[in-house]
Amino acid sequence: AVASILPHLREDGFILSAQNGLNEKMIADLAGAHRTMGAFVNYGADWIEPGRILFGNRGAVVVGEIDNVIRERTERMHKLLQIFEADAVLTDDIWGYLWGKMGYGAMLFATALTPDSMTANFADLERGPALMGLAREVMRTAVAEGVTPKPFNGFEPKAFMPDAADISALKSLADLADFNSKTAKTHTGIYRDLAVRKRKTEVDQQLGVIVEIAAGHGIDTPLLRRLIELIHDIEEGRRDMSVSTFHELTRVMS
């Protein structure tokens, strides 16, 4: 996508990345850091068919520069985003939000191992240890990167830090179950890729990147690595989406 845009991008133009993941790094490598802007979105939506999109719920929308300097162009983009989401945030720490979403996103990938809704997954105490473990691996990696992840919509990064008590993490999971119970979007886009659209997910582009970054800091991520394997198994038809598949993650912790 970036390669197709670059021939048409003015030198003073820029690319706004509003996709899940840490794509800003790759875009900056290709287009230049000065022509890359970051964004974080957490509203619920599903592509149903051409011309038909389900808007599930309002959620966090944040925009900021990848060097954390707010410019006139950042303010202009913020105003544009406010047309869509009145509470859109202009930040001088977009990486904090992006890494926060990665922690939440790791858990969302895990919910897609089952046919259950996001709320059902977050509310199941037996799935809690694996969900908490995934978020903790991401948060530990974020800290190693010098980032302080930001909270949003029930996800509290501090609850998944290495020194945080389980009760704090369980409270965040309960808050996420509550937040996701109030949306018309009951399942993740990852679930729809696997169960509805029958196509590969973005697990390598999202979680695979975290595993690589973590390895560069000498951090082991056994839950993330196993989750990637399980998603691939479902993509290739080697496993079904089920609670037992989810608990392959739980076994990693035993």
C-alpha atoms as a PDB file:
ATOM      1  CA  ALA A   1       0.000   0.000   0.000  1.00  0.00           C
ATOM      2  CA  VAL A   2       2.802   2.418   0.862  1.00  0.00           C
ATOM      3  CA  ALA A   3       4.597   1.661  -2.407  1.00  0.00           C
ATOM      4  CA  SER A   4       1.455   2.548  -4.357  1.00  0.00           C
ATOM      5  CA  ILE A   5       1.047   5.843  -2.482  1.00  0.00           C
ATOM      6  CA  LEU A   6       4.634   7.109  -2.598  1.00  0.00           C
ATOM      7  CA  PRO A   7       4.682   8.169  -6.290  1.00  0.00           C
ATOM      8  CA  HIS A   8       1.709  10.432  -5.589  1.00  0.00           C
ATOM      9  CA  LEU A   9       2.839  11.814  -2.229  1.00  0.00           C
ATOM     10  CA  ARG A  10       4.152  15.361  -2.144  1.00  0.00           C
ATOM     11  CA  GLU A  11       7.358  16.002  -0.238  1.00  0.00           C
ATOM     12  CA  ASP A  12       5.383  17.895   2.405  1.00  0.00           C
ATOM     13  CA  GLY A  13       2.608  15.279   2.407  1.00  0.00           C
ATOM     14  CA  PHE A  14       2.289  12.503   4.952  1.00  0.00           C
ATOM     15  CA  ILE A  15       0.761   9.082   5.516  1.00  0.00           C
ATOM     16  CA  LEU A  16      -1.526   8.587   8.501  1.00  0.00           C
ATOM     17  CA  SER A  17      -1.409   5.047   9.854  1.00  0.00           C
ATOM     18  CA  ALA A  18      -4.716   4.086  11.489  1.00  0.00           C
ATOM     19  CA  GLN A  19      -4.344   0.304  11.321  1.00  0.00           C
ATOM     20  CA  ASN A  20      -3.723  -2.007  14.271  1.00  0.00           C
ATOM     21  CA  GLY A  21      -0.072  -2.816  14.861  1.00  0.00           C
ATOM     22  CA  LEU A  22       3.161  -0.860  14.885  1.00  0.00           C
ATOM     23  CA  ASN A  23       2.991  -0.062  11.177  1.00  0.00           C
ATOM     24  CA  GLU A  24       4.336   3.429  11.714  1.00  0.00           C
ATOM     25  CA  LYS A  25       7.831   1.933  11.966  1.00  0.00           C
ATOM     26  CA  MET A  26       7.602   0.302   8.539  1.00  0.00           C
ATOM     27  CA  ILE A  27       5.909   3.310   6.940  1.00  0.00           C
ATOM     28  CA  ALA A  28       8.635   5.603   8.291  1.00  0.00           C
ATOM     29  CA  ASP A  29      11.311   3.327   6.820  1.00  0.00           C
ATOM     30  CA  LEU A  30       9.661   3.505   3.387  1.00  0.00           C
ATOM     31  CA  ALA A  31       8.275   7.033   3.266  1.00  0.00           C
ATOM     32  CA  GLY A  32      10.481   8.825   5.760  1.00  0.00           C
ATOM     33  CA  ALA A  33       9.765   9.590   9.396  1.00  0.00           C
ATOM     34  CA  HIS A  34       8.904  13.194   8.503  1.00  0.00           C
ATOM     35  CA  ARG A  35       6.078  11.930   6.269  1.00  0.00           C
ATOM     36  CA  THR A  36       4.578   9.504   8.787  1.00  0.00           C
ATOM     37  CA  MET A  37       1.868  10.217  11.367  1.00  0.00           C
ATOM     38  CA  GLY A  38       0.487   7.751  13.881  1.00  0.00           C
ATOM     39  CA  ALA A  39      -3.053   7.047  15.013  1.00  0.00           C
ATOM     40  CA  PHE A  40      -4.765   4.658  17.376  1.00  0.00           C
ATOM     41  CA  VAL A  41      -8.398   3.612  17.032  1.00  0.00           C
ATOM     42  CA  ASN A  42     -10.553   1.342  19.196  1.00  0.00           C
ATOM     43  CA  TYR A  43     -14.076   1.874  17.892  1.00  0.00           C
ATOM     44  CA  GLY A  44     -15.893  -1.271  16.834  1.00  0.00           C
ATOM     45  CA  ALA A  45     -16.696  -1.878  13.165  1.00  0.00           C
ATOM     46  CA  ASP A  46     -16.996  -4.776  10.730  1.00  0.00           C
ATOM     47  CA  TRP A  47     -16.788  -4.876   6.928  1.00  0.00           C
ATOM     48  CA  ILE A  48     -19.869  -6.895   5.997  1.00  0.00           C
ATOM     49  CA  GLU A  49     -19.814  -6.550   2.200  1.00  0.00           C
ATOM     50  CA  PRO A  50     -19.015  -3.842  -0.375  1.00  0.00           C
ATOM     51  CA  GLY A  51     -20.907  -0.715   0.626  1.00  0.00           C
ATOM     52  CA  ARG A  52     -22.035  -2.173   3.955  1.00  0.00           C
ATOM     53  CA  ILE A  53     -20.118  -1.588   7.201  1.00  0.00           C
ATOM     54  CA  LEU A  54     -21.347  -2.350  10.707  1.00  0.00           C
ATOM     55  CA  PHE A  55     -20.526   0.404  13.199  1.00  0.00           C
ATOM     56  CA  GLY A  56     -20.539  -1.414  16.508  1.00  0.00           C
ATOM     57  CA  ASN A  57     -19.670   1.218  19.076  1.00  0.00           C
ATOM     58  CA  ARG A  58     -17.730   4.355  19.823  1.00  0.00           C
ATOM     59  CA  GLY A  59     -14.220   3.912  21.180  1.00  0.00           C
ATOM     60  CA  ALA A  60     -10.925   5.693  21.645  1.00  0.00           C
ATOM     61  CA  VAL A  61      -9.494   7.627  18.678  1.00  0.00           C
ATOM     62  CA  VAL A  62      -6.042   9.194  19.113  1.00  0.00           C
ATOM     63  CA  VAL A  63      -3.640  10.911  16.717  1.00  0.00           C
ATOM     64  CA  GLY A  64      -0.035  12.042  17.158  1.00  0.00           C
ATOM     65  CA  GLU A  65       3.360  12.375  15.524  1.00  0.00           C
ATOM     66  CA  ILE A  66       5.835   9.512  15.805  1.00  0.00           C
ATOM     67  CA  ASP A  67       8.497  11.894  17.179  1.00  0.00           C
ATOM     68  CA  ASN A  68       5.975  13.106  19.794  1.00  0.00           C
ATOM     69  CA  VAL A  69       6.064  16.711  18.532  1.00  0.00           C
ATOM     70  CA  ILE A  70       2.629  18.218  17.877  1.00  0.00           C
ATOM     71  CA  ARG A  71       2.614  20.239  14.656  1.00  0.00           C
ATOM     72  CA  GLU A  72       0.076  22.306  12.754  1.00  0.00           C
ATOM     73  CA  ARG A  73      -0.636  19.312  10.510  1.00  0.00           C
ATOM     74  CA  THR A  74      -1.273  17.140  13.570  1.00  0.00           C
ATOM     75  CA  GLU A  75      -3.795  19.653  14.852  1.00  0.00           C
ATOM     76  CA  ARG A  76      -5.497  19.735  11.442  1.00  0.00           C
ATOM     77  CA  MET A  77      -5.760  15.953  11.384  1.00  0.00           C
ATOM     78  CA  HIS A  78      -7.110  15.967  14.922  1.00  0.00           C
ATOM     79  CA  LYS A  79      -9.896  18.327  13.888  1.00  0.00           C
ATOM     80  CA  LEU A  80     -10.756  16.075  10.952  1.00  0.00           C
ATOM     81  CA  LEU A  81     -10.949  13.041  13.222  1.00  0.00           C
ATOM     82  CA  GLN A  82     -13.231  14.956  15.587  1.00  0.00           C
ATOM     83  CA  ILE A  83     -15.823  15.025  12.805  1.00  0.00           C
ATOM     84  CA  PHE A  84     -16.004  11.251  13.188  1.00  0.00           C
ATOM     85  CA  GLU A  85     -15.347  11.004  16.942  1.00  0.00           C
ATOM     86  CA  ALA A  86     -15.966  14.165  18.953  1.00  0.00           C
ATOM     87  CA  ASP A  87     -13.761  12.905  21.795  1.00  0.00           C
ATOM     88  CA  ALA A  88     -10.752  12.176  19.578  1.00  0.00           C
ATOM     89  CA  VAL A  89      -7.496  12.866  21.419  1.00  0.00           C
ATOM     90  CA  LEU A  90      -4.444  14.802  20.205  1.00  0.00           C
ATOM     91  CA  THR A  91      -1.386  13.326  21.921  1.00  0.00           C
ATOM     92  CA  ASP A  92       2.332  13.910  22.243  1.00  0.00           C
ATOM     93  CA  ASP A  93       2.806  10.216  23.077  1.00  0.00           C
ATOM     94  CA  ILE A  94       1.251   8.138  20.285  1.00  0.00           C
ATOM     95  CA  TRP A  95       3.570   5.217  21.008  1.00  0.00           C
ATOM     96  CA  GLY A  96       2.054   4.893  24.467  1.00  0.00           C
ATOM     97  CA  TYR A  97      -1.361   4.337  22.899  1.00  0.00           C
ATOM     98  CA  LEU A  98      -0.068   2.051  20.151  1.00  0.00           C
ATOM     99  CA  TRP A  99       1.682  -0.228  22.630  1.00  0.00           C
ATOM    100  CA  GLY A 100      -1.374  -0.172  24.876  1.00  0.00           C
ATOM    101  CA  LYS A 101      -3.441  -1.407  21.938  1.00  0.00           C
ATOM    102  CA  MET A 102      -0.874  -4.128  21.267  1.00  0.00           C
ATOM    103  CA  GLY A 103      -1.355  -5.455  24.794  1.00  0.00           C
ATOM    104  CA  TYR A 104      -5.117  -5.483  24.343  1.00  0.00           C
ATOM    105  CA  GLY A 105      -4.720  -6.792  20.809  1.00  0.00           C
ATOM    106  CA  ALA A 106      -2.761  -9.832  21.980  1.00  0.00           C
ATOM    107  CA  MET A 107      -5.711 -10.783  24.150  1.00  0.00           C
ATOM    108  CA  LEU A 108      -8.127 -10.182  21.273  1.00  0.00           C
ATOM    109  CA  PHE A 109      -6.187 -12.630  19.131  1.00  0.00           C
ATOM    110  CA  ALA A 110      -6.587 -15.172  21.930  1.00  0.00           C
ATOM    111  CA  THR A 111     -10.364 -14.662  22.031  1.00  0.00           C
ATOM    112  CA  ALA A 112     -10.435 -15.619  18.338  1.00  0.00           C
ATOM    113  CA  LEU A 113      -9.203 -19.098  19.242  1.00  0.00           C
ATOM    114  CA  THR A 114     -12.803 -19.747  20.309  1.00  0.00           C
ATOM    115  CA  PRO A 115     -16.226 -19.131  18.742  1.00  0.00           C
ATOM    116  CA  ASP A 116     -17.219 -17.183  21.871  1.00  0.00           C
ATOM    117  CA  SER A 117     -17.764 -13.441  22.022  1.00  0.00           C
ATOM    118  CA  MET A 118     -15.127 -11.060  23.313  1.00  0.00           C
ATOM    119  CA  THR A 119     -17.198 -10.519  26.450  1.00  0.00           C
ATOM    120  CA  ALA A 120     -17.538 -14.242  27.119  1.00  0.00           C
ATOM    121  CA  ASN A 121     -13.781 -14.668  26.848  1.00  0.00           C
ATOM    122  CA  PHE A 122     -12.899 -11.763  29.123  1.00  0.00           C
ATOM    123  CA  ALA A 123     -15.519 -12.796  31.697  1.00  0.00           C
ATOM    124  CA  ASP A 124     -14.299 -16.407  31.952  1.00  0.00           C
ATOM    125  CA  LEU A 125     -12.017 -16.636  34.975  1.00  0.00           C
ATOM    126  CA  GLU A 126     -10.478 -19.868  33.686  1.00  0.00           C
ATOM    127  CA  ARG A 127      -9.187 -17.995  30.646  1.00  0.00           C
ATOM    128  CA  GLY A 128      -7.922 -15.115  32.759  1.00  0.00           C
ATOM    129  CA  PRO A 129      -4.391 -16.403  33.476  1.00  0.00           C
ATOM    130  CA  ALA A 130      -3.543 -16.836  29.789  1.00  0.00           C
ATOM    131  CA  LEU A 131      -5.080 -13.490  28.832  1.00  0.00           C
ATOM    132  CA  MET A 132      -3.180 -11.752  31.613  1.00  0.00           C
ATOM    133  CA  GLY A 133       0.030 -13.521  30.637  1.00  0.00           C
ATOM    134  CA  LEU A 134      -0.235 -12.352  27.030  1.00  0.00           C
ATOM    135  CA  ALA A 135      -0.749  -8.730  28.034  1.00  0.00           C
ATOM    136  CA  ARG A 136       2.146  -8.963  30.473  1.00  0.00           C
ATOM    137  CA  GLU A 137       4.525 -10.163  27.763  1.00  0.00           C
ATOM    138  CA  VAL A 138       3.586  -7.177  25.604  1.00  0.00           C
ATOM    139  CA  MET A 139       3.826  -4.688  28.480  1.00  0.00           C
ATOM    140  CA  ARG A 140       7.249  -5.981  29.450  1.00  0.00           C
ATOM    141  CA  THR A 141       8.396  -5.498  25.865  1.00  0.00           C
ATOM    142  CA  ALA A 142       6.954  -1.993  25.742  1.00  0.00           C
ATOM    143  CA  VAL A 143       8.850  -1.012  28.882  1.00  0.00           C
ATOM    144  CA  ALA A 144      12.051  -2.397  27.369  1.00  0.00           C
ATOM    145  CA  GLU A 145      11.369  -0.120  24.369  1.00  0.00           C
ATOM    146  CA  GLY A 146      11.185   2.865  26.716  1.00  0.00           C
ATOM    147  CA  VAL A 147       7.420   3.254  26.266  1.00  0.00           C
ATOM    148  CA  THR A 148       4.794   3.804  28.957  1.00  0.00           C
ATOM    149  CA  PRO A 149       1.589   2.270  27.547  1.00  0.00           C
ATOM    150  CA  LYS A 150      -1.608   4.297  27.878  1.00  0.00           C
ATOM    151  CA  PRO A 151      -4.993   3.097  29.192  1.00  0.00           C
ATOM    152  CA  PHE A 152      -8.229   3.162  27.196  1.00  0.00           C
ATOM    153  CA  ASN A 153     -11.736   1.656  27.177  1.00  0.00           C
ATOM    154  CA  GLY A 154     -11.143  -0.707  30.102  1.00  0.00           C
ATOM    155  CA  PHE A 155      -7.580  -1.725  29.264  1.00  0.00           C
ATOM    156  CA  GLU A 156      -5.282  -0.621  32.100  1.00  0.00           C
ATOM    157  CA  PRO A 157      -1.616  -1.236  31.211  1.00  0.00           C
ATOM    158  CA  LYS A 158      -0.424  -0.776  34.801  1.00  0.00           C
ATOM    159  CA  ALA A 159      -2.480  -3.825  35.767  1.00  0.00           C
ATOM    160  CA  PHE A 160      -0.330  -6.014  33.515  1.00  0.00           C
ATOM    161  CA  MET A 161       3.094  -4.790  34.543  1.00  0.00           C
ATOM    162  CA  PRO A 162       5.475  -7.354  36.101  1.00  0.00           C
ATOM    163  CA  ASP A 163       4.976  -6.005  39.642  1.00  0.00           C
ATOM    164  CA  ALA A 164       1.175  -5.691  39.407  1.00  0.00           C
ATOM    165  CA  ALA A 165      -1.103  -7.923  41.469  1.00  0.00           C
ATOM    166  CA  ASP A 166      -3.444 -10.371  39.757  1.00  0.00           C
ATOM    167  CA  ILE A 167      -6.438  -8.605  41.294  1.00  0.00           C
ATOM    168  CA  SER A 168      -5.640  -5.490  39.266  1.00  0.00           C
ATOM    169  CA  ALA A 169      -5.394  -7.481  36.047  1.00  0.00           C
ATOM    170  CA  LEU A 170      -8.660  -9.287  36.796  1.00  0.00           C
ATOM    171  CA  LYS A 171     -10.336  -5.911  37.337  1.00  0.00           C
ATOM    172  CA  SER A 172      -9.147  -4.776  33.902  1.00  0.00           C
ATOM    173  CA  LEU A 173     -10.444  -7.985  32.312  1.00  0.00           C
ATOM    174  CA  ALA A 174     -13.826  -7.379  33.958  1.00  0.00           C
ATOM    175  CA  ASP A 175     -13.824  -3.812  32.633  1.00  0.00           C
ATOM    176  CA  LEU A 176     -13.040  -5.104  29.138  1.00  0.00           C
ATOM    177  CA  ALA A 177     -15.872  -7.621  29.393  1.00  0.00           C
ATOM    178  CA  ASP A 178     -18.218  -4.789  30.342  1.00  0.00           C
ATOM    179  CA  PHE A 179     -17.002  -2.463  27.555  1.00  0.00           C
ATOM    180  CA  ASN A 180     -17.412  -5.150  24.914  1.00  0.00           C
ATOM    181  CA  SER A 181     -20.854  -6.142  26.190  1.00  0.00           C
ATOM    182  CA  LYS A 182     -22.224  -2.815  24.955  1.00  0.00           C
ATOM    183  CA  THR A 183     -21.345  -3.131  21.281  1.00  0.00           C
ATOM    184  CA  ALA A 184     -23.065  -4.539  18.227  1.00  0.00           C
ATOM    185  CA  LYS A 185     -19.652  -5.961  17.294  1.00  0.00           C
ATOM    186  CA  THR A 186     -19.534  -9.079  19.451  1.00  0.00           C
ATOM    187  CA  HIS A 187     -16.474 -10.712  17.898  1.00  0.00           C
ATOM    188  CA  THR A 188     -13.112  -9.458  16.703  1.00  0.00           C
ATOM    189  CA  GLY A 189     -12.095  -8.851  13.128  1.00  0.00           C
ATOM    190  CA  ILE A 190      -9.632 -11.685  13.695  1.00  0.00           C
ATOM    191  CA  TYR A 191     -12.538 -14.022  14.410  1.00  0.00           C
ATOM    192  CA  ARG A 192     -14.258 -12.875  11.222  1.00  0.00           C
ATOM    193  CA  ASP A 193     -11.091 -13.503   9.208  1.00  0.00           C
ATOM    194  CA  LEU A 194     -10.975 -17.071  10.492  1.00  0.00           C
ATOM    195  CA  ALA A 195     -14.647 -18.034  10.781  1.00  0.00           C
ATOM    196  CA  VAL A 196     -16.406 -15.896   8.168  1.00  0.00           C
ATOM    197  CA  ARG A 197     -14.006 -14.688   5.508  1.00  0.00           C
ATOM    198  CA  LYS A 198     -11.777 -17.779   5.686  1.00  0.00           C
ATOM    199  CA  ARG A 199      -8.593 -15.847   5.143  1.00  0.00           C
ATOM    200  CA  LYS A 200      -5.298 -15.398   6.935  1.00  0.00           C
ATOM    201  CA  THR A 201      -5.110 -12.958   9.814  1.00  0.00           C
ATOM    202  CA  GLU A 202      -2.498 -10.284  10.510  1.00  0.00           C
ATOM    203  CA  VAL A 203      -1.011 -12.255  13.403  1.00  0.00           C
ATOM    204  CA  ASP A 204       2.520 -12.194  11.977  1.00  0.00           C
ATOM    205  CA  GLN A 205       2.373  -8.478  11.168  1.00  0.00           C
ATOM    206  CA  GLN A 206       1.111  -7.648  14.653  1.00  0.00           C
ATOM    207  CA  LEU A 207       2.145 -10.215  17.261  1.00  0.00           C
ATOM    208  CA  GLY A 208       5.079 -11.549  15.262  1.00  0.00           C
ATOM    209  CA  VAL A 209       6.614  -8.083  15.323  1.00  0.00           C
ATOM    210  CA  ILE A 210       6.283  -7.954  19.119  1.00  0.00           C
ATOM    211  CA  VAL A 211       8.021 -11.318  19.463  1.00  0.00           C
ATOM    212  CA  GLU A 212      10.914 -10.045  17.331  1.00  0.00           C
ATOM    213  CA  ILE A 213      11.234  -6.809  19.294  1.00  0.00           C
ATOM    214  CA  ALA A 214      11.108  -8.728  22.578  1.00  0.00           C
ATOM    215  CA  ALA A 215      13.831 -11.106  21.411  1.00  0.00           C
ATOM    216  CA  GLY A 216      16.021  -8.112  20.626  1.00  0.00           C
ATOM    217  CA  HIS A 217      15.777  -7.166  24.297  1.00  0.00           C
ATOM    218  CA  GLY A 218      16.421 -10.718  25.481  1.00  0.00           C
ATOM    219  CA  ILE A 219      12.782 -11.146  26.542  1.00  0.00           C
ATOM    220  CA  ASP A 220      11.127 -14.524  26.072  1.00  0.00           C
ATOM    221  CA  THR A 221       7.485 -14.508  24.953  1.00  0.00           C
ATOM    222  CA  PRO A 222       6.280 -18.128  25.155  1.00  0.00           C
ATOM    223  CA  LEU A 223       2.571 -17.252  25.233  1.00  0.00           C
ATOM    224  CA  LEU A 224       2.770 -14.942  22.232  1.00  0.00           C
ATOM    225  CA  ARG A 225       4.772 -17.508  20.283  1.00  0.00           C
ATOM    226  CA  ARG A 226       2.253 -20.250  21.095  1.00  0.00           C
ATOM    227  CA  LEU A 227      -0.674 -17.984  20.219  1.00  0.00           C
ATOM    228  CA  ILE A 228       0.835 -17.297  16.799  1.00  0.00           C
ATOM    229  CA  GLU A 229       1.222 -21.040  16.238  1.00  0.00           C
ATOM    230  CA  LEU A 230      -2.406 -21.692  17.232  1.00  0.00           C
ATOM    231  CA  ILE A 231      -3.733 -18.979  14.931  1.00  0.00           C
ATOM    232  CA  HIS A 232      -1.717 -20.497  12.084  1.00  0.00           C
ATOM    233  CA  ASP A 233      -3.154 -23.915  12.933  1.00  0.00           C
ATOM    234  CA  ILE A 234      -6.688 -22.553  12.576  1.00  0.00           C
ATOM    235  CA  GLU A 235      -5.805 -20.715   9.367  1.00  0.00           C
ATOM    236  CA  GLU A 236      -4.458 -23.934   7.864  1.00  0.00           C
ATOM    237  CA  GLY A 237      -7.345 -26.109   9.078  1.00  0.00           C
ATOM    238  CA  ARG A 238      -5.276 -28.106  11.550  1.00  0.00           C
ATOM    239  CA  ARG A 239      -7.356 -26.996  14.536  1.00  0.00           C
ATOM    240  CA  ASP A 240     -10.909 -25.896  15.201  1.00  0.00           C
ATOM    241  CA  MET A 241     -11.853 -22.729  17.042  1.00  0.00           C
ATOM    242  CA  SER A 242     -12.733 -24.004  20.517  1.00  0.00           C
ATOM    243  CA  VAL A 243     -12.227 -23.483  24.217  1.00  0.00           C
ATOM    244  CA  SER A 244      -9.864 -26.467  24.221  1.00  0.00           C
ATOM    245  CA  THR A 245      -7.742 -24.721  21.603  1.00  0.00           C
ATOM    246  CA  PHE A 246      -7.667 -21.641  23.830  1.00  0.00           C
ATOM    247  CA  HIS A 247      -6.448 -23.714  26.750  1.00  0.00           C
ATOM    248  CA  GLU A 248      -3.404 -24.736  24.748  1.00  0.00           C
ATOM    249  CA  LEU A 249      -2.253 -21.311  25.931  1.00  0.00           C
ATOM    250  CA  THR A 250      -3.075 -22.166  29.533  1.00  0.00           C
ATOM    251  CA  ARG A 251      -0.893 -25.277  29.236  1.00  0.00           C
ATOM    252  CA  VAL A 252       2.090 -23.078  28.366  1.00  0.00           C
ATOM    253  CA  MET A 253       1.837 -21.621  31.864  1.00  0.00           C
ATOM    254  CA  SER A 254       1.722 -24.962  33.674  1.00  0.00           C
END
